[in-house]
């Protein structure tokens, strides 16, 4: 009964997809900036700086060492989510499913009242798992903008915008990749909407700069 076999196969695929998405989301919800701030400082990173639970706010609040640790752990959780999904579904599309679920978990973590980070580290880790060439383009744009302006949010926004461009370069004619990259890149840019407002107002500070008080003095 070919029809029944097709139905059973489709059902199994959807079950595997559901399991991959659930695993990715639960892994992504392990927000390491929040975890480390609780474990080391008995506090919550979201109470400081921008209020964002991510690497940049960790860098500004706790320093380079803790930020590097957050970067590594957040990247690893996305890689693990992608690998699990690849095992369940298959390469590339599995990485897209698992990695996307991990990114959503990071942004809207189940364990922390759905208030997390902006998904930049998870996003670049996801792109690495899909195609290292696209990751190289996105990372290159990020590094160049960062070197010129030293503003992480601006570099992240430009990197996100480069994602669909890289899909056009390496997968021209395969519009599903471009559509996916455009949606994901647009999502990350949307998460930076407050940063965009500050950038337009000239109020977004570069790394290492200090805020000034009302008299113009460094705070």
N, C-alpha and C. Protein backbone atom coordinates (compact mmCIF):
# COMPACT_ATOMS: atom_id res chain seq x y z
N UNK A 1 0.84 -1.19 0.00
CA UNK A 1 0.00 0.00 0.00
C UNK A 1 0.89 1.26 0.00
N UNK A 2 1.27 1.70 -1.18
CA UNK A 2 2.18 2.84 -1.28
C UNK A 2 1.67 4.09 -0.58
N UNK A 3 0.34 4.34 -0.66
CA UNK A 3 -0.22 5.54 -0.05
C UNK A 3 -0.03 5.51 1.47
N UNK A 4 -0.27 4.34 2.06
CA UNK A 4 -0.10 4.21 3.51
C UNK A 4 1.35 4.38 3.91
N UNK A 5 2.24 3.80 3.12
CA UNK A 5 3.68 3.94 3.42
C UNK A 5 4.12 5.40 3.33
N UNK A 6 3.57 6.11 2.34
CA UNK A 6 3.89 7.54 2.20
C UNK A 6 3.39 8.33 3.40
N UNK A 7 2.18 8.00 3.85
CA UNK A 7 1.60 8.69 5.01
C UNK A 7 2.42 8.42 6.26
N UNK A 8 2.80 7.17 6.46
CA UNK A 8 3.60 6.81 7.63
C UNK A 8 4.95 7.51 7.59
N UNK A 9 5.56 7.54 6.40
CA UNK A 9 6.85 8.21 6.25
C UNK A 9 6.75 9.69 6.55
N UNK A 10 5.69 10.33 6.06
CA UNK A 10 5.49 11.76 6.31
C UNK A 10 5.26 12.03 7.80
N UNK A 11 4.51 11.14 8.44
CA UNK A 11 4.25 11.29 9.87
C UNK A 11 5.54 11.17 10.68
N UNK A 12 6.37 10.19 10.32
CA UNK A 12 7.65 10.03 11.00
C UNK A 12 8.54 11.26 10.81
N UNK A 13 8.52 11.83 9.60
CA UNK A 13 9.32 13.02 9.33
C UNK A 13 8.87 14.18 10.20
N UNK A 14 7.56 14.38 10.30
CA UNK A 14 7.05 15.47 11.12
C UNK A 14 7.35 15.25 12.60
N UNK A 15 7.31 14.00 13.04
CA UNK A 15 7.66 13.70 14.43
C UNK A 15 9.13 14.00 14.69
N UNK A 16 9.98 13.63 13.74
CA UNK A 16 11.41 13.92 13.89
C UNK A 16 11.66 15.42 13.89
N UNK A 17 10.94 16.12 13.02
CA UNK A 17 11.07 17.58 12.95
C UNK A 17 10.63 18.21 14.27
N UNK A 18 9.53 17.71 14.84
CA UNK A 18 9.03 18.23 16.11
C UNK A 18 10.04 17.98 17.23
N UNK A 19 10.61 16.78 17.25
CA UNK A 19 11.61 16.46 18.27
C UNK A 19 12.85 17.34 18.13
N UNK A 20 13.28 17.57 16.88
CA UNK A 20 14.45 18.41 16.63
C UNK A 20 14.19 19.84 17.09
N UNK A 21 12.99 20.36 16.77
CA UNK A 21 12.65 21.72 17.16
C UNK A 21 12.56 21.85 18.68
N UNK A 22 11.95 20.86 19.33
CA UNK A 22 11.81 20.90 20.79
C UNK A 22 13.18 20.84 21.47
N UNK A 23 14.05 19.95 20.98
CA UNK A 23 15.39 19.85 21.56
C UNK A 23 16.17 21.13 21.36
N UNK A 24 16.08 21.71 20.17
CA UNK A 24 16.78 22.95 19.88
C UNK A 24 16.29 24.10 20.75
N UNK A 25 14.97 24.19 20.91
CA UNK A 25 14.41 25.28 21.72
C UNK A 25 14.82 25.15 23.18
N UNK A 26 14.77 23.94 23.72
CA UNK A 26 15.12 23.73 25.13
C UNK A 26 16.61 24.00 25.36
N UNK A 27 17.44 23.59 24.40
CA UNK A 27 18.87 23.90 24.51
C UNK A 27 19.11 25.41 24.40
N UNK A 28 18.43 26.04 23.46
CA UNK A 28 18.59 27.48 23.27
C UNK A 28 18.14 28.28 24.48
N UNK A 29 17.18 27.75 25.23
CA UNK A 29 16.67 28.44 26.42
C UNK A 29 17.68 28.47 27.55
N UNK A 30 18.75 27.68 27.43
CA UNK A 30 19.84 27.74 28.42
C UNK A 30 20.67 28.98 28.13
N UNK A 31 20.25 30.11 28.65
CA UNK A 31 20.93 31.37 28.37
C UNK A 31 22.12 31.51 29.32
N UNK A 32 23.32 31.40 28.76
CA UNK A 32 24.50 31.31 29.60
C UNK A 32 24.91 32.62 30.25
N UNK A 33 24.54 33.74 29.68
CA UNK A 33 24.83 35.00 30.36
C UNK A 33 24.02 35.11 31.66
N UNK A 34 22.79 34.63 31.63
CA UNK A 34 21.96 34.63 32.83
C UNK A 34 22.48 33.60 33.83
N UNK A 35 22.79 32.41 33.33
CA UNK A 35 23.26 31.34 34.21
C UNK A 35 24.54 31.74 34.93
N UNK A 36 25.51 32.28 34.19
CA UNK A 36 26.79 32.65 34.79
C UNK A 36 26.64 33.82 35.76
N UNK A 37 25.77 34.77 35.43
CA UNK A 37 25.57 35.89 36.36
C UNK A 37 24.96 35.41 37.67
N UNK A 38 24.08 34.40 37.60
CA UNK A 38 23.51 33.82 38.81
C UNK A 38 24.56 33.04 39.60
N UNK A 39 25.33 32.21 38.87
CA UNK A 39 26.29 31.33 39.54
C UNK A 39 27.46 32.10 40.15
N UNK A 40 27.97 33.08 39.41
CA UNK A 40 29.20 33.76 39.84
C UNK A 40 28.90 34.99 40.70
N UNK A 41 27.89 35.77 40.29
CA UNK A 41 27.65 37.04 40.96
C UNK A 41 26.37 37.08 41.77
N UNK A 42 25.61 35.97 41.77
CA UNK A 42 24.34 35.91 42.50
C UNK A 42 23.42 37.06 42.09
N UNK A 43 23.42 37.36 40.81
CA UNK A 43 22.64 38.47 40.29
C UNK A 43 22.05 38.08 38.93
N UNK A 44 21.47 39.04 38.26
CA UNK A 44 20.84 38.80 36.96
C UNK A 44 21.37 39.84 35.97
N UNK A 45 22.03 39.38 34.92
CA UNK A 45 22.61 40.27 33.93
C UNK A 45 21.58 41.24 33.35
N UNK A 46 20.32 40.85 33.37
CA UNK A 46 19.27 41.68 32.79
C UNK A 46 18.95 42.91 33.63
N UNK A 47 19.54 43.00 34.81
CA UNK A 47 19.36 44.18 35.67
C UNK A 47 20.40 45.25 35.39
N UNK A 48 21.32 44.98 34.50
CA UNK A 48 22.44 45.90 34.27
C UNK A 48 22.51 46.32 32.80
N UNK A 49 23.16 47.44 32.59
CA UNK A 49 23.43 47.89 31.22
C UNK A 49 22.18 48.02 30.37
N UNK A 50 22.21 47.35 29.24
CA UNK A 50 21.09 47.41 28.30
C UNK A 50 19.91 46.55 28.73
N UNK A 51 20.12 45.69 29.74
CA UNK A 51 19.06 44.78 30.15
C UNK A 51 18.98 43.54 29.29
N UNK A 52 19.91 43.44 28.35
CA UNK A 52 19.91 42.32 27.41
C UNK A 52 20.73 41.16 27.98
N UNK A 53 20.22 39.94 27.80
CA UNK A 53 20.92 38.75 28.28
C UNK A 53 21.75 38.15 27.15
N UNK A 54 22.87 38.79 26.86
CA UNK A 54 23.71 38.32 25.76
C UNK A 54 25.17 38.66 26.00
N UNK A 55 25.98 38.35 25.00
CA UNK A 55 27.42 38.52 25.14
C UNK A 55 27.83 39.98 25.30
N UNK A 56 27.21 40.89 24.53
CA UNK A 56 27.62 42.29 24.57
C UNK A 56 27.40 42.89 25.95
N UNK A 57 26.23 42.66 26.52
CA UNK A 57 25.96 43.19 27.85
C UNK A 57 26.85 42.53 28.91
N UNK A 58 27.16 41.25 28.69
CA UNK A 58 28.10 40.57 29.59
C UNK A 58 29.47 41.21 29.50
N UNK A 59 29.89 41.56 28.29
CA UNK A 59 31.19 42.23 28.10
C UNK A 59 31.23 43.56 28.84
N UNK A 60 30.20 44.36 28.70
CA UNK A 60 30.17 45.66 29.34
C UNK A 60 30.05 45.55 30.86
N UNK A 61 29.36 44.52 31.33
CA UNK A 61 29.07 44.41 32.76
C UNK A 61 30.14 43.64 33.52
N UNK A 62 30.60 42.52 32.94
CA UNK A 62 31.49 41.61 33.67
C UNK A 62 32.88 41.47 33.07
N UNK A 63 33.10 42.00 31.86
CA UNK A 63 34.43 41.95 31.28
C UNK A 63 34.62 40.91 30.20
N UNK A 64 35.82 40.92 29.62
CA UNK A 64 36.11 40.10 28.44
C UNK A 64 36.07 38.60 28.74
N UNK A 65 36.60 38.19 29.90
CA UNK A 65 36.67 36.77 30.21
C UNK A 65 35.30 36.12 30.27
N UNK A 66 34.38 36.76 30.98
CA UNK A 66 33.03 36.20 31.10
C UNK A 66 32.30 36.27 29.76
N UNK A 67 32.54 37.34 29.00
CA UNK A 67 31.90 37.47 27.69
C UNK A 67 32.38 36.37 26.75
N UNK A 68 33.68 36.05 26.78
CA UNK A 68 34.23 34.99 25.94
C UNK A 68 33.61 33.64 26.31
N UNK A 69 33.42 33.41 27.61
CA UNK A 69 32.81 32.16 28.06
C UNK A 69 31.36 32.06 27.59
N UNK A 70 30.64 33.16 27.69
CA UNK A 70 29.25 33.19 27.19
C UNK A 70 29.22 32.91 25.69
N UNK A 71 30.14 33.53 24.95
CA UNK A 71 30.21 33.31 23.50
C UNK A 71 30.39 31.82 23.18
N UNK A 72 31.33 31.19 23.83
CA UNK A 72 31.63 29.78 23.56
C UNK A 72 30.43 28.89 23.91
N UNK A 73 29.86 29.10 25.08
CA UNK A 73 28.76 28.24 25.53
C UNK A 73 27.49 28.45 24.70
N UNK A 74 27.19 29.69 24.34
CA UNK A 74 26.02 29.95 23.50
C UNK A 74 26.22 29.39 22.09
N UNK A 75 27.45 29.46 21.59
CA UNK A 75 27.74 28.88 20.28
C UNK A 75 27.61 27.36 20.32
N UNK A 76 28.11 26.74 21.39
CA UNK A 76 28.07 25.28 21.50
C UNK A 76 26.64 24.76 21.60
N UNK A 77 25.78 25.48 22.30
CA UNK A 77 24.40 24.99 22.42
C UNK A 77 23.70 25.00 21.06
N UNK A 78 24.02 25.98 20.23
CA UNK A 78 23.42 26.05 18.89
C UNK A 78 23.99 24.96 17.99
N UNK A 79 25.29 24.73 18.08
CA UNK A 79 25.91 23.66 17.30
C UNK A 79 25.33 22.31 17.70
N UNK A 80 25.16 22.08 19.00
CA UNK A 80 24.59 20.82 19.47
C UNK A 80 23.16 20.66 18.98
N UNK A 81 22.37 21.73 19.05
CA UNK A 81 21.00 21.67 18.56
C UNK A 81 20.95 21.34 17.07
N UNK A 82 21.87 21.93 16.29
CA UNK A 82 21.93 21.66 14.86
C UNK A 82 22.33 20.22 14.58
N UNK A 83 23.29 19.71 15.35
CA UNK A 83 23.75 18.32 15.16
C UNK A 83 22.65 17.32 15.48
N UNK A 84 21.91 17.57 16.55
CA UNK A 84 20.79 16.69 16.90
C UNK A 84 19.76 16.69 15.77
N UNK A 85 19.45 17.87 15.27
CA UNK A 85 18.46 17.97 14.19
C UNK A 85 18.97 17.32 12.90
N UNK A 86 20.27 17.45 12.62
CA UNK A 86 20.83 16.78 11.44
C UNK A 86 20.72 15.27 11.58
N UNK A 87 20.94 14.76 12.77
CA UNK A 87 20.81 13.32 13.01
C UNK A 87 19.38 12.86 12.82
N UNK A 88 18.41 13.68 13.20
CA UNK A 88 17.00 13.31 13.10
C UNK A 88 16.43 13.53 11.70
N UNK A 89 16.88 14.59 11.04
CA UNK A 89 16.25 15.00 9.78
C UNK A 89 17.17 14.83 8.58
N UNK A 90 18.44 15.16 8.76
CA UNK A 90 19.38 15.16 7.66
C UNK A 90 20.17 16.45 7.64
N UNK A 91 21.25 16.50 6.86
CA UNK A 91 22.13 17.69 6.86
C UNK A 91 21.44 18.91 6.27
N UNK A 92 21.96 20.04 6.60
CA UNK A 92 21.57 21.37 6.12
C UNK A 92 20.16 21.76 6.58
N UNK A 93 19.12 21.07 6.08
CA UNK A 93 17.77 21.41 6.55
C UNK A 93 17.63 21.10 8.03
N UNK A 94 18.29 20.05 8.48
CA UNK A 94 18.29 19.74 9.90
C UNK A 94 18.97 20.84 10.70
N UNK A 95 20.12 21.30 10.18
CA UNK A 95 20.83 22.39 10.85
C UNK A 95 19.97 23.64 10.91
N UNK A 96 19.25 23.92 9.83
CA UNK A 96 18.37 25.08 9.80
C UNK A 96 17.27 24.96 10.85
N UNK A 97 16.67 23.78 10.95
CA UNK A 97 15.56 23.57 11.90
C UNK A 97 16.05 23.64 13.34
N UNK A 98 17.08 22.86 13.66
CA UNK A 98 17.59 22.83 15.03
C UNK A 98 18.22 24.14 15.46
N UNK A 99 19.00 24.74 14.57
CA UNK A 99 19.65 26.01 14.90
C UNK A 99 18.66 27.14 15.06
N UNK A 100 17.63 27.17 14.22
CA UNK A 100 16.60 28.20 14.35
C UNK A 100 15.85 28.07 15.66
N UNK A 101 15.53 26.84 16.03
CA UNK A 101 14.85 26.61 17.30
C UNK A 101 15.73 27.05 18.47
N UNK A 102 17.04 26.80 18.38
CA UNK A 102 17.95 27.22 19.43
C UNK A 102 18.01 28.75 19.53
N UNK A 103 18.05 29.42 18.38
CA UNK A 103 18.07 30.87 18.38
C UNK A 103 16.80 31.43 19.02
N UNK A 104 15.65 30.84 18.69
CA UNK A 104 14.39 31.31 19.27
C UNK A 104 14.37 31.06 20.78
N UNK A 105 14.94 29.93 21.21
CA UNK A 105 15.04 29.67 22.63
C UNK A 105 15.92 30.68 23.34
N UNK A 106 16.99 31.09 22.67
CA UNK A 106 17.89 32.09 23.25
C UNK A 106 17.19 33.44 23.41
N UNK A 107 16.44 33.82 22.40
CA UNK A 107 15.74 35.11 22.42
C UNK A 107 14.55 35.09 23.38
N UNK A 108 13.82 33.97 23.36
CA UNK A 108 12.63 33.82 24.20
C UNK A 108 12.79 32.57 25.08
N UNK A 109 13.68 32.62 26.08
CA UNK A 109 13.99 31.42 26.87
C UNK A 109 12.83 30.97 27.77
N UNK A 110 12.52 29.70 27.68
CA UNK A 110 11.44 29.13 28.48
C UNK A 110 11.71 29.28 29.96
N UNK A 111 12.97 29.15 30.35
CA UNK A 111 13.32 29.10 31.77
C UNK A 111 13.45 30.48 32.42
N UNK A 112 13.43 31.55 31.61
CA UNK A 112 13.71 32.88 32.15
C UNK A 112 12.65 33.89 31.71
N UNK A 113 11.40 33.48 31.79
CA UNK A 113 10.26 34.36 31.51
C UNK A 113 10.31 34.94 30.09
N UNK A 114 10.90 34.18 29.16
CA UNK A 114 10.92 34.53 27.74
C UNK A 114 11.63 35.85 27.44
N UNK A 115 12.55 36.22 28.32
CA UNK A 115 13.33 37.44 28.11
C UNK A 115 14.81 37.08 28.03
N UNK A 116 15.35 37.03 26.81
CA UNK A 116 16.73 36.60 26.61
C UNK A 116 17.56 37.60 25.86
N UNK A 117 18.41 37.07 24.96
CA UNK A 117 19.33 37.91 24.21
C UNK A 117 18.83 38.22 22.81
N UNK A 118 19.74 38.68 21.97
CA UNK A 118 19.37 39.09 20.62
C UNK A 118 19.85 38.10 19.55
N UNK A 119 20.44 37.01 19.96
CA UNK A 119 20.68 35.91 19.05
C UNK A 119 21.83 36.05 18.08
N UNK A 120 22.75 36.98 18.31
CA UNK A 120 23.84 37.18 17.35
C UNK A 120 24.79 35.99 17.35
N UNK A 121 25.23 35.56 18.54
CA UNK A 121 26.15 34.42 18.63
C UNK A 121 25.47 33.15 18.11
N UNK A 122 24.22 32.94 18.52
CA UNK A 122 23.49 31.77 18.02
C UNK A 122 23.31 31.84 16.51
N UNK A 123 23.08 33.05 16.01
CA UNK A 123 22.87 33.22 14.57
C UNK A 123 24.10 32.86 13.76
N UNK A 124 25.27 33.35 14.17
CA UNK A 124 26.48 33.04 13.39
C UNK A 124 26.83 31.56 13.52
N UNK A 125 26.57 30.97 14.69
CA UNK A 125 26.82 29.53 14.86
C UNK A 125 25.90 28.73 13.96
N UNK A 126 24.65 29.17 13.84
CA UNK A 126 23.70 28.52 12.94
C UNK A 126 24.18 28.58 11.50
N UNK A 127 24.66 29.75 11.07
CA UNK A 127 25.11 29.90 9.69
C UNK A 127 26.33 29.01 9.42
N UNK A 128 27.22 28.91 10.41
CA UNK A 128 28.37 28.01 10.26
C UNK A 128 27.92 26.59 9.99
N UNK A 129 26.88 26.14 10.69
CA UNK A 129 26.39 24.78 10.54
C UNK A 129 25.69 24.57 9.19
N UNK A 130 25.13 25.63 8.63
CA UNK A 130 24.46 25.52 7.33
C UNK A 130 25.49 25.51 6.20
N UNK A 131 26.39 26.51 6.20
CA UNK A 131 27.40 26.62 5.14
C UNK A 131 28.49 27.57 5.62
N UNK A 132 29.68 27.06 5.78
CA UNK A 132 30.78 27.87 6.31
C UNK A 132 31.10 29.05 5.41
N UNK A 133 30.80 28.93 4.11
CA UNK A 133 31.10 30.04 3.20
C UNK A 133 30.22 31.25 3.49
N UNK A 134 28.94 30.99 3.75
CA UNK A 134 28.04 32.09 4.13
C UNK A 134 28.48 32.69 5.46
N UNK A 135 28.90 31.82 6.38
CA UNK A 135 29.37 32.30 7.68
C UNK A 135 30.60 33.19 7.51
N UNK A 136 31.47 32.84 6.56
CA UNK A 136 32.66 33.65 6.31
C UNK A 136 32.29 35.04 5.81
N UNK A 137 31.29 35.13 4.94
CA UNK A 137 30.84 36.43 4.43
C UNK A 137 30.26 37.26 5.57
N UNK A 138 29.37 36.66 6.34
CA UNK A 138 28.72 37.38 7.44
C UNK A 138 29.75 37.83 8.48
N UNK A 139 30.66 36.92 8.84
CA UNK A 139 31.68 37.26 9.82
C UNK A 139 32.62 38.35 9.29
N UNK A 140 32.95 38.26 8.01
CA UNK A 140 33.81 39.28 7.41
C UNK A 140 33.19 40.66 7.49
N UNK A 141 31.90 40.76 7.18
CA UNK A 141 31.21 42.05 7.27
C UNK A 141 31.21 42.54 8.71
N UNK A 142 30.91 41.64 9.63
CA UNK A 142 30.90 42.01 11.05
C UNK A 142 32.27 42.56 11.47
N UNK A 143 33.33 41.86 11.12
CA UNK A 143 34.69 42.25 11.54
C UNK A 143 35.07 43.61 10.94
N UNK A 144 34.76 43.82 9.67
CA UNK A 144 35.11 45.09 9.02
C UNK A 144 34.38 46.26 9.69
N UNK A 145 33.07 46.10 9.89
CA UNK A 145 32.29 47.18 10.52
C UNK A 145 32.76 47.42 11.95
N UNK A 146 33.05 46.33 12.64
CA UNK A 146 33.52 46.45 14.02
C UNK A 146 34.87 47.17 14.08
N UNK A 147 35.75 46.85 13.14
CA UNK A 147 37.06 47.49 13.10
C UNK A 147 36.94 48.99 12.81
N UNK A 148 35.98 49.35 11.97
CA UNK A 148 35.82 50.75 11.58
C UNK A 148 35.08 51.57 12.62
N UNK A 149 34.03 50.99 13.21
CA UNK A 149 33.15 51.76 14.09
C UNK A 149 33.21 51.36 15.56
N UNK A 150 33.63 50.12 15.84
CA UNK A 150 33.74 49.61 17.20
C UNK A 150 32.39 49.61 17.93
N UNK A 151 31.33 49.44 17.17
CA UNK A 151 29.98 49.37 17.75
C UNK A 151 29.41 47.99 17.44
N UNK A 152 29.25 47.16 18.45
CA UNK A 152 28.84 45.77 18.23
C UNK A 152 27.46 45.69 17.60
N UNK A 153 26.53 46.52 18.04
CA UNK A 153 25.17 46.46 17.50
C UNK A 153 25.16 46.77 16.00
N UNK A 154 25.92 47.78 15.59
CA UNK A 154 25.98 48.13 14.16
C UNK A 154 26.61 47.00 13.37
N UNK A 155 27.69 46.43 13.89
CA UNK A 155 28.34 45.30 13.22
C UNK A 155 27.39 44.11 13.11
N UNK A 156 26.60 43.87 14.15
CA UNK A 156 25.64 42.76 14.15
C UNK A 156 24.54 42.99 13.12
N UNK A 157 24.05 44.22 13.05
CA UNK A 157 23.00 44.55 12.08
C UNK A 157 23.52 44.38 10.65
N UNK A 158 24.72 44.85 10.40
CA UNK A 158 25.30 44.71 9.06
C UNK A 158 25.57 43.24 8.72
N UNK A 159 26.02 42.47 9.72
CA UNK A 159 26.21 41.04 9.51
C UNK A 159 24.92 40.33 9.18
N UNK A 160 23.85 40.69 9.89
CA UNK A 160 22.54 40.10 9.62
C UNK A 160 22.06 40.44 8.22
N UNK A 161 22.30 41.68 7.80
CA UNK A 161 21.91 42.09 6.44
C UNK A 161 22.71 41.35 5.37
N UNK A 162 23.94 40.94 5.73
CA UNK A 162 24.80 40.23 4.78
C UNK A 162 24.37 38.77 4.59
N UNK A 163 23.58 38.24 5.52
CA UNK A 163 23.18 36.84 5.42
C UNK A 163 22.40 36.53 4.14
N UNK A 164 21.31 37.25 3.83
CA UNK A 164 20.62 36.97 2.57
C UNK A 164 21.49 37.25 1.33
N UNK A 165 22.40 38.21 1.45
CA UNK A 165 23.31 38.48 0.33
C UNK A 165 24.19 37.27 0.08
N UNK A 166 24.69 36.66 1.16
CA UNK A 166 25.53 35.47 1.00
C UNK A 166 24.74 34.30 0.42
N UNK A 167 23.45 34.23 0.76
CA UNK A 167 22.61 33.17 0.18
C UNK A 167 22.46 33.36 -1.33
N UNK A 168 22.35 34.62 -1.77
CA UNK A 168 22.28 34.90 -3.20
C UNK A 168 23.58 34.52 -3.90
N UNK A 169 24.69 34.75 -3.23
CA UNK A 169 25.99 34.45 -3.83
C UNK A 169 26.19 32.95 -4.03
N UNK A 170 25.90 32.17 -3.00
CA UNK A 170 26.24 30.75 -3.02
C UNK A 170 25.08 29.83 -3.40
N UNK A 171 23.85 30.36 -3.36
CA UNK A 171 22.69 29.52 -3.68
C UNK A 171 21.75 30.24 -4.64
N UNK A 172 22.33 30.94 -5.59
CA UNK A 172 21.51 31.69 -6.53
C UNK A 172 20.59 30.73 -7.29
N UNK A 173 19.33 31.08 -7.34
CA UNK A 173 18.33 30.23 -7.99
C UNK A 173 17.64 29.28 -7.04
N UNK A 174 18.23 29.02 -5.88
CA UNK A 174 17.58 28.20 -4.86
C UNK A 174 16.95 29.15 -3.84
N UNK A 175 15.78 29.63 -4.19
CA UNK A 175 15.19 30.75 -3.48
C UNK A 175 14.76 30.42 -2.07
N UNK A 176 14.65 29.13 -1.74
CA UNK A 176 14.30 28.78 -0.36
C UNK A 176 15.39 29.21 0.61
N UNK A 177 16.65 29.15 0.16
CA UNK A 177 17.75 29.58 1.01
C UNK A 177 17.73 31.10 1.20
N UNK A 178 17.48 31.81 0.11
CA UNK A 178 17.40 33.27 0.22
C UNK A 178 16.25 33.69 1.12
N UNK A 179 15.08 33.05 0.96
CA UNK A 179 13.91 33.39 1.78
C UNK A 179 14.22 33.15 3.26
N UNK A 180 14.83 32.00 3.55
CA UNK A 180 15.19 31.68 4.94
C UNK A 180 16.17 32.71 5.49
N UNK A 181 17.21 33.01 4.73
CA UNK A 181 18.23 33.96 5.18
C UNK A 181 17.63 35.35 5.36
N UNK A 182 16.73 35.75 4.48
CA UNK A 182 16.11 37.07 4.59
C UNK A 182 15.25 37.16 5.85
N UNK A 183 14.50 36.10 6.14
CA UNK A 183 13.65 36.09 7.33
C UNK A 183 14.51 36.12 8.60
N UNK A 184 15.54 35.27 8.64
CA UNK A 184 16.38 35.20 9.83
C UNK A 184 17.19 36.48 10.03
N UNK A 185 17.75 36.99 8.94
CA UNK A 185 18.49 38.25 9.03
C UNK A 185 17.59 39.40 9.46
N UNK A 186 16.39 39.44 8.88
CA UNK A 186 15.42 40.48 9.25
C UNK A 186 15.01 40.37 10.70
N UNK A 187 14.87 39.14 11.19
CA UNK A 187 14.50 38.92 12.59
C UNK A 187 15.56 39.48 13.53
N UNK A 188 16.82 39.19 13.25
CA UNK A 188 17.90 39.69 14.09
C UNK A 188 17.97 41.22 14.03
N UNK A 189 17.76 41.79 12.86
CA UNK A 189 17.75 43.25 12.74
C UNK A 189 16.59 43.84 13.56
N UNK A 190 15.43 43.21 13.48
CA UNK A 190 14.27 43.66 14.25
C UNK A 190 14.55 43.62 15.75
N UNK A 191 15.27 42.61 16.21
CA UNK A 191 15.62 42.52 17.63
C UNK A 191 16.52 43.67 18.06
N UNK A 192 17.20 44.30 17.09
CA UNK A 192 18.08 45.44 17.39
C UNK A 192 17.39 46.78 17.14
N UNK A 193 16.07 46.81 17.15
CA UNK A 193 15.36 48.04 16.81
C UNK A 193 15.67 49.17 17.79
N UNK A 194 15.85 48.86 19.08
CA UNK A 194 16.23 49.91 20.03
C UNK A 194 17.63 50.44 19.73
N UNK A 195 18.52 49.53 19.35
CA UNK A 195 19.88 49.96 18.98
C UNK A 195 19.85 50.85 17.75
N UNK A 196 18.97 50.53 16.81
CA UNK A 196 18.86 51.34 15.59
C UNK A 196 18.41 52.76 15.93
N UNK A 197 17.45 52.86 16.87
CA UNK A 197 17.02 54.19 17.29
C UNK A 197 18.17 54.97 17.93
N UNK A 198 18.96 54.29 18.75
CA UNK A 198 20.10 54.97 19.38
C UNK A 198 21.16 55.33 18.35
N UNK A 199 21.36 54.46 17.37
CA UNK A 199 22.33 54.76 16.31
C UNK A 199 21.91 56.00 15.53
N UNK A 200 20.63 56.09 15.23
CA UNK A 200 20.13 57.25 14.48
C UNK A 200 20.25 58.54 15.29
N UNK A 201 20.15 58.38 16.63
CA UNK A 201 20.26 59.55 17.50
C UNK A 201 21.71 59.85 17.89
N UNK A 202 22.64 59.00 17.45
CA UNK A 202 24.04 59.18 17.80
C UNK A 202 24.35 58.85 19.25
N UNK A 203 23.48 58.03 19.85
CA UNK A 203 23.63 57.71 21.28
C UNK A 203 24.16 56.30 21.54
N UNK A 204 24.44 55.55 20.50
CA UNK A 204 24.96 54.19 20.68
C UNK A 204 26.48 54.28 20.84
N UNK A 205 26.95 53.79 21.97
CA UNK A 205 28.37 53.95 22.31
C UNK A 205 29.22 52.83 21.73
N UNK A 206 30.42 53.16 21.27
CA UNK A 206 31.36 52.11 20.85
C UNK A 206 31.93 51.38 22.06
N UNK A 207 32.49 50.21 21.81
CA UNK A 207 33.10 49.43 22.89
C UNK A 207 34.23 50.23 23.53
N UNK A 208 34.24 50.28 24.85
CA UNK A 208 35.27 51.00 25.58
C UNK A 208 34.89 52.41 25.95
N UNK A 209 33.85 52.96 25.31
CA UNK A 209 33.41 54.31 25.64
C UNK A 209 32.54 54.29 26.88
N UNK A 210 32.53 55.39 27.60
CA UNK A 210 31.71 55.50 28.80
C UNK A 210 30.61 56.53 28.59
N UNK A 211 29.48 56.24 29.24
CA UNK A 211 28.38 57.21 29.16
C UNK A 211 28.78 58.51 29.85
N UNK A 212 28.18 59.59 29.39
CA UNK A 212 28.45 60.89 30.00
C UNK A 212 27.24 61.35 30.81
N UNK A 213 27.54 62.07 31.88
CA UNK A 213 26.44 62.59 32.67
C UNK A 213 25.89 63.86 32.02
N UNK A 214 24.96 64.51 32.70
CA UNK A 214 24.32 65.68 32.11
C UNK A 214 25.26 66.84 31.89
N UNK A 215 26.43 66.83 32.54
CA UNK A 215 27.41 67.91 32.37
C UNK A 215 28.45 67.59 31.30
N UNK A 216 28.31 66.40 30.68
CA UNK A 216 29.25 66.04 29.64
C UNK A 216 30.47 65.32 30.15
N UNK A 217 30.47 64.98 31.43
CA UNK A 217 31.60 64.25 32.00
C UNK A 217 31.41 62.77 31.88
N UNK A 218 32.51 62.02 31.74
CA UNK A 218 32.43 60.57 31.65
C UNK A 218 31.95 60.01 32.98
N UNK A 219 30.95 59.10 32.88
CA UNK A 219 30.39 58.51 34.09
C UNK A 219 31.08 57.21 34.43
